[in-house]
């Protein structure tokens, strides 16, 4: 199922359909048909939205007026049946969990960037719903812009978990793309976005004032080397293999959001995960799997 769903976005030509087994062809056609539905075909499931920032307000605007918006620290009601869309900063997640009745923890849908797996597992939420949001909201109240790229014109946003279809329907109502993936395919795409954040932010920080677009255009060799290193480390740590073309996919996304500034921040959730792989390897007497990453973090005094 996972490979078939992921293939919809990567191989759109009719010729590729001929290469698929008939059992997967049915899945492919069904997903493609869902993705091409008009917004009027999607029923929006009312949600609790935690966080009144740009993303939270944008998600609320995609609803039908039945959503409940709660601010940081406000309690999530126990009598609300539906998804709980968490749109806060990563460092606020502990507070969000404390404000949510444990009976509704399996309704939480996390929209955060970065590596959440260690935190989720520490809370017993290893299979929690997640969304990789490849759309941008420039200012509060402005409509979101889909992060489609020249390598993935169908869009990159993806959702995983029991509420993933409801999230996809909400986004599609706003003419935004969203794929529903199984866990393995989602994890690979999550790691790709983590590599993008860690690599482009670190290289950009070495060149003050550089946007992600400038990194892609002017420092391509630096970021390409770092992408390759981080991808190899992530693949080894998770026992996965990334699809070919990861460098070009990540560079294409940088071209699509070229105005984004760069900075090494939220270290625990971003570059910190790769540095934890370094610390583990060195503690075991093994070579650093991310020597370039480590050297540049030291250069910036981030470690």
Protein backbone atom coordinates (compact mmCIF):
# COMPACT_ATOMS: atom_id res chain seq x y z
CA UNK A 1 0.00 0.00 0.00
CA UNK A 2 2.72 2.49 0.98
CA UNK A 3 4.68 2.29 -2.25
CA UNK A 4 1.53 2.54 -4.34
CA UNK A 5 0.32 5.66 -2.60
CA UNK A 6 3.73 7.30 -2.79
CA UNK A 7 4.00 6.41 -6.48
CA UNK A 8 0.99 8.52 -7.36
CA UNK A 9 2.94 11.68 -6.79
CA UNK A 10 6.23 10.56 -8.26
CA UNK A 11 5.17 8.85 -11.49
CA UNK A 12 2.15 10.65 -12.95
CA UNK A 13 2.37 9.39 -16.51
CA UNK A 14 -0.07 6.85 -17.87
CA UNK A 15 2.87 4.73 -19.02
CA UNK A 16 3.85 4.05 -15.41
CA UNK A 17 0.42 2.59 -14.77
CA UNK A 18 1.19 -0.20 -17.20
CA UNK A 19 4.10 -1.31 -15.06
CA UNK A 20 2.06 -1.72 -11.89
CA UNK A 21 0.40 -4.98 -10.77
CA UNK A 22 -3.37 -4.86 -11.11
CA UNK A 23 -3.81 -4.90 -7.31
CA UNK A 24 -1.74 -1.73 -6.98
CA UNK A 25 -3.34 -0.16 -10.03
CA UNK A 26 -6.68 -0.03 -8.23
CA UNK A 27 -5.09 1.76 -5.30
CA UNK A 28 -3.31 4.19 -7.59
CA UNK A 29 -6.43 5.07 -9.55
CA UNK A 30 -8.44 5.54 -6.36
CA UNK A 31 -5.87 7.89 -4.81
CA UNK A 32 -5.51 9.86 -8.03
CA UNK A 33 -9.26 10.26 -8.28
CA UNK A 34 -9.38 11.50 -4.69
CA UNK A 35 -6.65 14.02 -5.33
CA UNK A 36 -8.50 15.43 -8.35
CA UNK A 37 -11.79 15.99 -6.54
CA UNK A 38 -13.10 19.50 -6.46
CA UNK A 39 -13.20 21.22 -3.09
CA UNK A 40 -16.97 20.78 -2.90
CA UNK A 41 -16.48 17.00 -2.75
CA UNK A 42 -14.67 17.15 0.60
CA UNK A 43 -16.61 17.16 3.85
CA UNK A 44 -14.67 18.96 6.58
CA UNK A 45 -14.50 17.23 9.95
CA UNK A 46 -14.75 19.78 12.80
CA UNK A 47 -11.52 20.02 14.75
CA UNK A 48 -9.97 21.50 17.84
CA UNK A 49 -7.10 23.71 16.66
CA UNK A 50 -4.39 24.36 19.22
CA UNK A 51 -2.46 27.53 18.45
CA UNK A 52 -3.76 30.80 17.07
CA UNK A 53 -0.76 31.67 14.91
CA UNK A 54 -0.50 31.81 11.15
CA UNK A 55 -0.95 28.08 10.53
CA UNK A 56 -3.67 27.60 13.14
CA UNK A 57 -5.72 30.50 11.82
CA UNK A 58 -5.24 29.30 8.24
CA UNK A 59 -6.52 25.82 9.16
CA UNK A 60 -9.51 27.37 10.90
CA UNK A 61 -10.33 29.38 7.76
CA UNK A 62 -10.50 26.11 5.82
CA UNK A 63 -13.25 24.77 8.09
CA UNK A 64 -17.00 25.31 8.06
CA UNK A 65 -17.30 27.36 11.25
CA UNK A 66 -17.56 24.41 13.65
CA UNK A 67 -13.90 24.33 14.68
CA UNK A 68 -12.80 25.26 18.18
CA UNK A 69 -9.61 27.36 18.41
CA UNK A 70 -7.77 27.17 21.73
CA UNK A 71 -4.68 29.13 22.68
CA UNK A 72 -1.46 27.87 24.20
CA UNK A 73 -2.10 26.67 27.73
CA UNK A 74 -5.88 26.57 27.34
CA UNK A 75 -7.51 23.20 28.06
CA UNK A 76 -8.70 20.96 25.25
CA UNK A 77 -12.33 19.99 26.00
CA UNK A 78 -12.98 16.37 26.82
CA UNK A 79 -16.35 16.28 25.06
CA UNK A 80 -15.11 17.25 21.57
CA UNK A 81 -15.10 14.33 19.13
CA UNK A 82 -12.68 14.92 16.29
CA UNK A 83 -9.05 15.64 15.41
CA UNK A 84 -6.95 17.97 17.56
CA UNK A 85 -4.67 19.91 15.21
CA UNK A 86 -1.55 21.02 17.09
CA UNK A 87 0.02 24.11 15.52
CA UNK A 88 2.29 25.39 18.29
CA UNK A 89 6.05 25.65 18.59
CA UNK A 90 7.82 22.39 19.34
CA UNK A 91 8.87 23.60 22.78
CA UNK A 92 5.19 24.04 23.70
CA UNK A 93 4.28 20.40 23.08
CA UNK A 94 4.62 19.32 26.71
CA UNK A 95 2.13 22.02 27.72
CA UNK A 96 -0.26 20.95 24.95
CA UNK A 97 -0.15 17.36 26.15
CA UNK A 98 -0.82 18.43 29.73
CA UNK A 99 -3.84 20.45 28.58
CA UNK A 100 -5.30 17.52 26.61
CA UNK A 101 -7.33 14.79 28.33
CA UNK A 102 -5.37 11.50 28.03
CA UNK A 103 -8.46 9.91 26.45
CA UNK A 104 -7.92 12.25 23.48
CA UNK A 105 -4.16 11.85 23.04
CA UNK A 106 -4.82 9.51 20.11
CA UNK A 107 -6.68 12.37 18.39
CA UNK A 108 -3.67 14.70 18.38
CA UNK A 109 -2.33 15.65 14.95
CA UNK A 110 1.12 17.26 15.04
CA UNK A 111 2.01 19.89 12.41
CA UNK A 112 5.50 20.65 13.76
CA UNK A 113 8.69 20.62 11.71
CA UNK A 114 11.73 18.65 12.81
CA UNK A 115 12.33 15.31 14.47
CA UNK A 116 9.46 14.55 16.85
CA UNK A 117 9.99 10.79 17.13
CA UNK A 118 12.08 10.73 20.35
CA UNK A 119 9.61 13.04 22.11
CA UNK A 120 6.57 11.15 20.83
CA UNK A 121 8.02 7.81 21.89
CA UNK A 122 8.86 9.17 25.35
CA UNK A 123 5.17 10.04 25.76
CA UNK A 124 3.89 6.69 24.47
CA UNK A 125 2.75 8.33 21.21
CA UNK A 126 4.93 6.48 18.73
CA UNK A 127 2.09 6.14 16.23
CA UNK A 128 0.71 9.66 16.63
CA UNK A 129 -0.76 11.44 13.63
CA UNK A 130 1.59 13.87 11.91
CA UNK A 131 1.49 16.30 9.01
CA UNK A 132 4.39 17.56 6.90
CA UNK A 133 3.15 20.98 5.88
CA UNK A 134 4.81 22.15 2.70
CA UNK A 135 2.71 25.28 2.52
CA UNK A 136 3.59 28.77 3.70
CA UNK A 137 1.51 31.45 5.40
CA UNK A 138 3.42 34.72 5.09
CA UNK A 139 1.31 36.78 7.49
CA UNK A 140 -1.54 36.18 9.89
CA UNK A 141 -4.77 36.08 7.92
CA UNK A 142 -3.18 35.65 4.50
CA UNK A 143 -4.08 32.58 2.42
CA UNK A 144 -1.52 29.76 2.44
CA UNK A 145 0.67 29.18 -0.60
CA UNK A 146 1.30 25.58 -1.64
CA UNK A 147 4.95 24.55 -1.72
CA UNK A 148 4.81 22.87 -5.11
CA UNK A 149 8.15 22.50 -6.85
CA UNK A 150 9.43 21.84 -10.35
CA UNK A 151 10.39 18.30 -9.32
CA UNK A 152 7.12 17.65 -7.45
CA UNK A 153 4.45 19.80 -9.13
CA UNK A 154 1.75 17.67 -7.52
CA UNK A 155 2.74 18.99 -4.09
CA UNK A 156 4.71 17.66 -1.14
CA UNK A 157 2.43 18.06 1.87
CA UNK A 158 1.71 14.68 3.47
CA UNK A 159 -0.29 13.32 6.40
CA UNK A 160 -0.12 10.09 8.37
CA UNK A 161 -2.50 8.52 10.88
CA UNK A 162 -6.17 7.91 11.51
CA UNK A 163 -7.12 11.58 10.95
CA UNK A 164 -4.95 11.94 7.83
CA UNK A 165 -7.91 11.72 5.38
CA UNK A 166 -9.73 14.45 7.33
CA UNK A 167 -6.66 16.68 7.25
CA UNK A 168 -6.22 16.07 3.52
CA UNK A 169 -9.87 16.98 2.88
CA UNK A 170 -9.49 20.22 4.85
CA UNK A 171 -6.39 21.24 2.90
CA UNK A 172 -7.86 20.27 -0.45
CA UNK A 173 -10.82 22.53 0.31
CA UNK A 174 -8.31 25.38 0.23
CA UNK A 175 -6.83 24.11 -3.04
CA UNK A 176 -3.75 22.81 -1.24
CA UNK A 177 -2.26 19.42 -1.99
CA UNK A 178 -1.97 16.68 0.61
CA UNK A 179 -1.00 13.03 0.28
CA UNK A 180 -2.13 10.39 2.77
CA UNK A 181 0.79 8.05 3.46
CA UNK A 182 1.43 4.93 5.47
CA UNK A 183 3.99 5.20 8.26
CA UNK A 184 7.09 3.98 6.41
CA UNK A 185 6.58 6.30 3.44
CA UNK A 186 5.75 9.18 5.77
CA UNK A 187 8.89 8.60 7.83
CA UNK A 188 11.07 8.80 4.72
CA UNK A 189 9.47 12.06 3.66
CA UNK A 190 9.73 13.42 7.20
CA UNK A 191 13.44 12.65 7.25
CA UNK A 192 13.90 14.37 3.88
CA UNK A 193 12.34 17.54 5.24
CA UNK A 194 14.49 17.26 8.38
CA UNK A 195 17.57 16.99 6.18
CA UNK A 196 16.41 20.07 4.25
CA UNK A 197 15.97 22.13 7.42
CA UNK A 198 19.25 20.99 8.97
CA UNK A 199 21.35 21.37 5.81
CA UNK A 200 20.03 24.63 4.38
CA UNK A 201 19.84 26.38 7.74
CA UNK A 202 23.38 25.38 8.69
CA UNK A 203 24.95 26.33 5.36
CA UNK A 204 23.01 29.59 5.33
CA UNK A 205 24.18 30.43 8.84
CA UNK A 206 27.78 30.14 7.64
CA UNK A 207 27.02 32.93 5.16
CA UNK A 208 25.25 35.71 7.12
CA UNK A 209 22.19 37.09 5.38
CA UNK A 210 21.84 34.17 2.99
CA UNK A 211 18.30 33.00 2.28
CA UNK A 212 17.58 29.38 1.39
CA UNK A 213 17.40 30.52 -2.24
CA UNK A 214 20.87 32.00 -2.00
CA UNK A 215 22.17 28.78 -0.46
CA UNK A 216 20.75 26.77 -3.35
CA UNK A 217 22.11 29.16 -5.97
CA UNK A 218 25.43 30.35 -4.55
CA UNK A 219 26.53 27.60 -2.16
CA UNK A 220 25.18 24.54 -3.92
CA UNK A 221 28.34 22.47 -3.51
CA UNK A 222 28.36 23.03 0.27
CA UNK A 223 24.72 22.14 0.77
CA UNK A 224 24.97 19.17 -1.62
CA UNK A 225 27.82 17.69 0.42
CA UNK A 226 25.89 18.19 3.64
CA UNK A 227 22.68 16.70 2.21
CA UNK A 228 24.57 13.58 1.11
CA UNK A 229 26.20 13.22 4.53
CA UNK A 230 23.01 13.69 6.53
CA UNK A 231 21.02 11.41 4.24
CA UNK A 232 23.60 8.65 4.65
CA UNK A 233 23.53 9.04 8.44
CA UNK A 234 19.72 9.08 8.61
CA UNK A 235 19.43 6.05 6.32
CA UNK A 236 21.87 4.11 8.47
CA UNK A 237 20.17 5.08 11.72
CA UNK A 238 16.67 4.20 10.51
CA UNK A 239 17.49 1.30 8.22
CA UNK A 240 15.88 2.91 5.19
CA UNK A 241 16.89 3.86 1.67
CA UNK A 242 15.96 7.23 0.23
CA UNK A 243 14.66 7.47 -3.31
CA UNK A 244 17.14 8.74 -5.87
CA UNK A 245 17.24 12.47 -6.49
CA UNK A 246 17.05 13.70 -2.90
CA UNK A 247 19.46 16.58 -3.52
CA UNK A 248 17.46 17.90 -6.45
CA UNK A 249 14.15 17.54 -4.61
CA UNK A 250 15.44 19.52 -1.65
CA UNK A 251 17.04 22.16 -3.85
CA UNK A 252 13.81 22.47 -5.82
CA UNK A 253 11.93 23.15 -2.60
CA UNK A 254 14.46 25.84 -1.73
CA UNK A 255 13.78 27.50 -5.05
CA UNK A 256 10.05 27.42 -4.29
CA UNK A 257 10.57 29.16 -0.91
CA UNK A 258 13.70 31.09 -1.84
CA UNK A 259 12.87 34.06 0.39
CA UNK A 260 13.04 32.06 3.66
CA UNK A 261 15.81 33.30 5.98
CA UNK A 262 18.35 30.87 7.44
CA UNK A 263 19.41 30.28 11.03
CA UNK A 264 20.38 27.35 13.22
CA UNK A 265 17.55 27.24 15.76
CA UNK A 266 15.31 24.77 17.59
CA UNK A 267 18.49 22.72 17.83
CA UNK A 268 16.95 19.90 19.84
CA UNK A 269 14.36 19.24 17.13
CA UNK A 270 16.51 19.80 14.04
CA UNK A 271 20.31 19.61 13.83
CA UNK A 272 20.40 18.14 17.32
CA UNK A 273 19.08 14.80 16.12
CA UNK A 274 21.99 14.42 13.69
CA UNK A 275 24.42 15.50 16.37
CA UNK A 276 22.97 12.81 18.65
CA UNK A 277 24.01 10.26 16.01
CA UNK A 278 27.51 11.73 16.17
CA UNK A 279 27.63 11.52 19.97
CA UNK A 280 26.41 7.93 19.95
CA UNK A 281 28.98 6.83 17.36
CA UNK A 282 31.88 8.54 19.14
CA UNK A 283 30.83 7.05 22.48
CA UNK A 284 31.00 3.61 20.87
CA UNK A 285 34.44 4.30 19.40
CA UNK A 286 33.09 4.58 15.87
CA UNK A 287 33.77 7.30 13.25
CA UNK A 288 31.54 10.37 13.21
CA UNK A 289 28.78 9.70 10.62
CA UNK A 290 28.37 13.47 10.13
CA UNK A 291 31.88 15.01 10.27
CA UNK A 292 31.08 17.99 8.06
CA UNK A 293 27.92 18.73 10.04
CA UNK A 294 29.89 18.53 13.30
CA UNK A 295 32.68 20.76 12.02
CA UNK A 296 30.30 23.48 10.84
CA UNK A 297 28.30 23.38 14.09
CA UNK A 298 31.57 23.91 15.98
CA UNK A 299 32.51 26.71 13.59
CA UNK A 300 29.27 28.49 14.49
CA UNK A 301 29.69 27.62 18.20
CA UNK A 302 26.35 25.79 18.13
CA UNK A 303 27.89 22.89 20.06
